[in-house]
């Protein structure tokens, strides 16, 4: 089993965070649903289905985008893009 991987790149127009693991992955038909609140594929009592929904909402509130795909190593790969703030408040 390969370890998880995290990569970071920044420049114009923003910053990209890439997170991948080597777990079971996310089925293609579930990829659009994983960011919905209370959606889970786990057995009852094993998860709330809120983790990725909170991530997606937080990223969107910062003007960013998050998406999921299959990792090359197997498992899931998440990309989070954040625009770079040009004029920060003082």
C-alpha atoms as a PDB file:
ATOM      1  CA  UNK A   1       0.000   0.000   0.000  1.00  0.00           C
ATOM      2  CA  UNK A   2       1.414   3.358  -1.030  1.00  0.00           C
ATOM      3  CA  UNK A   3       1.275   6.356   1.297  1.00  0.00           C
ATOM      4  CA  UNK A   4      -1.003   9.326   0.827  1.00  0.00           C
ATOM      5  CA  UNK A   5       0.334  12.250  -1.169  1.00  0.00           C
ATOM      6  CA  UNK A   6      -0.074  16.010  -0.720  1.00  0.00           C
ATOM      7  CA  UNK A   7       1.253  18.571  -3.206  1.00  0.00           C
ATOM      8  CA  UNK A   8       1.014  22.348  -3.273  1.00  0.00           C
ATOM      9  CA  UNK A   9       1.602  24.857  -6.077  1.00  0.00           C
ATOM     10  CA  UNK A  10       1.096  28.610  -6.052  1.00  0.00           C
ATOM     11  CA  UNK A  11       1.275  31.291  -8.683  1.00  0.00           C
ATOM     12  CA  UNK A  12      -1.059  33.339 -10.823  1.00  0.00           C
ATOM     13  CA  UNK A  13      -4.029  33.074 -10.748  1.00  0.00           C
ATOM     14  CA  UNK A  14      -4.074  31.081  -7.509  1.00  0.00           C
ATOM     15  CA  UNK A  15      -2.961  28.186  -5.349  1.00  0.00           C
ATOM     16  CA  UNK A  16      -3.650  24.504  -5.960  1.00  0.00           C
ATOM     17  CA  UNK A  17      -3.604  21.820  -3.283  1.00  0.00           C
ATOM     18  CA  UNK A  18      -3.600  18.203  -4.432  1.00  0.00           C
ATOM     19  CA  UNK A  19      -4.360  15.399  -1.951  1.00  0.00           C
ATOM     20  CA  UNK A  20      -4.403  11.731  -2.969  1.00  0.00           C
ATOM     21  CA  UNK A  21      -4.593   8.452  -1.111  1.00  0.00           C
ATOM     22  CA  UNK A  22      -4.258   4.802  -2.054  1.00  0.00           C
ATOM     23  CA  UNK A  23      -7.486   3.580  -0.465  1.00  0.00           C
ATOM     24  CA  UNK A  24     -10.510   2.046  -2.132  1.00  0.00           C
ATOM     25  CA  UNK A  25     -11.347   5.207  -4.047  1.00  0.00           C
ATOM     26  CA  UNK A  26     -14.716   6.734  -4.807  1.00  0.00           C
ATOM     27  CA  UNK A  27     -16.980   5.140  -7.402  1.00  0.00           C
ATOM     28  CA  UNK A  28     -17.593   7.373 -10.443  1.00  0.00           C
ATOM     29  CA  UNK A  29     -21.328   7.520  -9.692  1.00  0.00           C
ATOM     30  CA  UNK A  30     -20.592   8.770  -6.147  1.00  0.00           C
ATOM     31  CA  UNK A  31     -18.101  11.516  -7.068  1.00  0.00           C
ATOM     32  CA  UNK A  32     -20.751  14.182  -7.678  1.00  0.00           C
ATOM     33  CA  UNK A  33     -22.535  13.303  -4.432  1.00  0.00           C
ATOM     34  CA  UNK A  34     -19.619  13.242  -1.963  1.00  0.00           C
ATOM     35  CA  UNK A  35     -19.845  17.000  -1.378  1.00  0.00           C
ATOM     36  CA  UNK A  36     -23.558  16.867  -0.467  1.00  0.00           C
ATOM     37  CA  UNK A  37     -24.333  17.166   3.264  1.00  0.00           C
ATOM     38  CA  UNK A  38     -25.139  13.835   4.939  1.00  0.00           C
ATOM     39  CA  UNK A  39     -24.112  11.744   1.918  1.00  0.00           C
ATOM     40  CA  UNK A  40     -22.073   8.732   2.980  1.00  0.00           C
ATOM     41  CA  UNK A  41     -21.323   5.275   1.666  1.00  0.00           C
ATOM     42  CA  UNK A  42     -20.389   4.042   5.136  1.00  0.00           C
ATOM     43  CA  UNK A  43     -22.498   1.744   7.242  1.00  0.00           C
ATOM     44  CA  UNK A  44     -25.038   3.413   9.584  1.00  0.00           C
ATOM     45  CA  UNK A  45     -23.341   4.880  12.622  1.00  0.00           C
ATOM     46  CA  UNK A  46     -19.923   4.982  10.911  1.00  0.00           C
ATOM     47  CA  UNK A  47     -20.004   8.493   9.485  1.00  0.00           C
ATOM     48  CA  UNK A  48     -22.114  11.630   9.280  1.00  0.00           C
ATOM     49  CA  UNK A  49     -21.443  12.556   5.669  1.00  0.00           C
ATOM     50  CA  UNK A  50     -20.487  16.086   6.682  1.00  0.00           C
ATOM     51  CA  UNK A  51     -16.704  16.162   6.274  1.00  0.00           C
ATOM     52  CA  UNK A  52     -16.450  16.766   2.527  1.00  0.00           C
ATOM     53  CA  UNK A  53     -19.553  18.978   2.552  1.00  0.00           C
ATOM     54  CA  UNK A  54     -17.838  21.256   5.073  1.00  0.00           C
ATOM     55  CA  UNK A  55     -14.642  21.268   3.012  1.00  0.00           C
ATOM     56  CA  UNK A  56     -16.532  22.175  -0.178  1.00  0.00           C
ATOM     57  CA  UNK A  57     -18.508  24.939   1.520  1.00  0.00           C
ATOM     58  CA  UNK A  58     -15.390  26.435   3.105  1.00  0.00           C
ATOM     59  CA  UNK A  59     -13.485  26.363  -0.181  1.00  0.00           C
ATOM     60  CA  UNK A  60     -16.393  27.968  -2.058  1.00  0.00           C
ATOM     61  CA  UNK A  61     -16.744  30.692   0.615  1.00  0.00           C
ATOM     62  CA  UNK A  62     -13.108  31.604  -0.109  1.00  0.00           C
ATOM     63  CA  UNK A  63     -13.845  31.847  -3.828  1.00  0.00           C
ATOM     64  CA  UNK A  64     -12.275  28.496  -4.591  1.00  0.00           C
ATOM     65  CA  UNK A  65     -13.229  25.241  -6.236  1.00  0.00           C
ATOM     66  CA  UNK A  66     -12.840  21.628  -5.108  1.00  0.00           C
ATOM     67  CA  UNK A  67     -13.207  18.499  -7.189  1.00  0.00           C
ATOM     68  CA  UNK A  68     -12.537  14.772  -6.872  1.00  0.00           C
ATOM     69  CA  UNK A  69     -11.234  12.146  -9.268  1.00  0.00           C
ATOM     70  CA  UNK A  70      -9.541   8.767  -9.150  1.00  0.00           C
ATOM     71  CA  UNK A  71      -5.888   8.796  -8.093  1.00  0.00           C
ATOM     72  CA  UNK A  72      -3.348   7.207 -10.430  1.00  0.00           C
ATOM     73  CA  UNK A  73      -2.263   4.908  -7.607  1.00  0.00           C
ATOM     74  CA  UNK A  74      -5.842   3.873  -6.897  1.00  0.00           C
ATOM     75  CA  UNK A  75      -7.801   5.654  -4.233  1.00  0.00           C
ATOM     76  CA  UNK A  76      -9.178   9.173  -4.410  1.00  0.00           C
ATOM     77  CA  UNK A  77      -7.600  12.440  -5.506  1.00  0.00           C
ATOM     78  CA  UNK A  78      -8.895  15.841  -4.441  1.00  0.00           C
ATOM     79  CA  UNK A  79      -7.871  19.157  -5.962  1.00  0.00           C
ATOM     80  CA  UNK A  80      -8.587  22.423  -4.179  1.00  0.00           C
ATOM     81  CA  UNK A  81      -8.043  25.698  -6.020  1.00  0.00           C
ATOM     82  CA  UNK A  82      -7.937  29.053  -4.237  1.00  0.00           C
ATOM     83  CA  UNK A  83      -7.645  32.370  -6.077  1.00  0.00           C
ATOM     84  CA  UNK A  84      -4.863  34.619  -4.885  1.00  0.00           C
ATOM     85  CA  UNK A  85      -6.099  37.765  -3.156  1.00  0.00           C
ATOM     86  CA  UNK A  86      -4.542  40.801  -4.814  1.00  0.00           C
ATOM     87  CA  UNK A  87      -5.872  43.493  -2.479  1.00  0.00           C
ATOM     88  CA  UNK A  88      -5.831  42.300   1.099  1.00  0.00           C
ATOM     89  CA  UNK A  89      -7.655  44.393   3.703  1.00  0.00           C
ATOM     90  CA  UNK A  90      -5.399  46.168   6.194  1.00  0.00           C
END
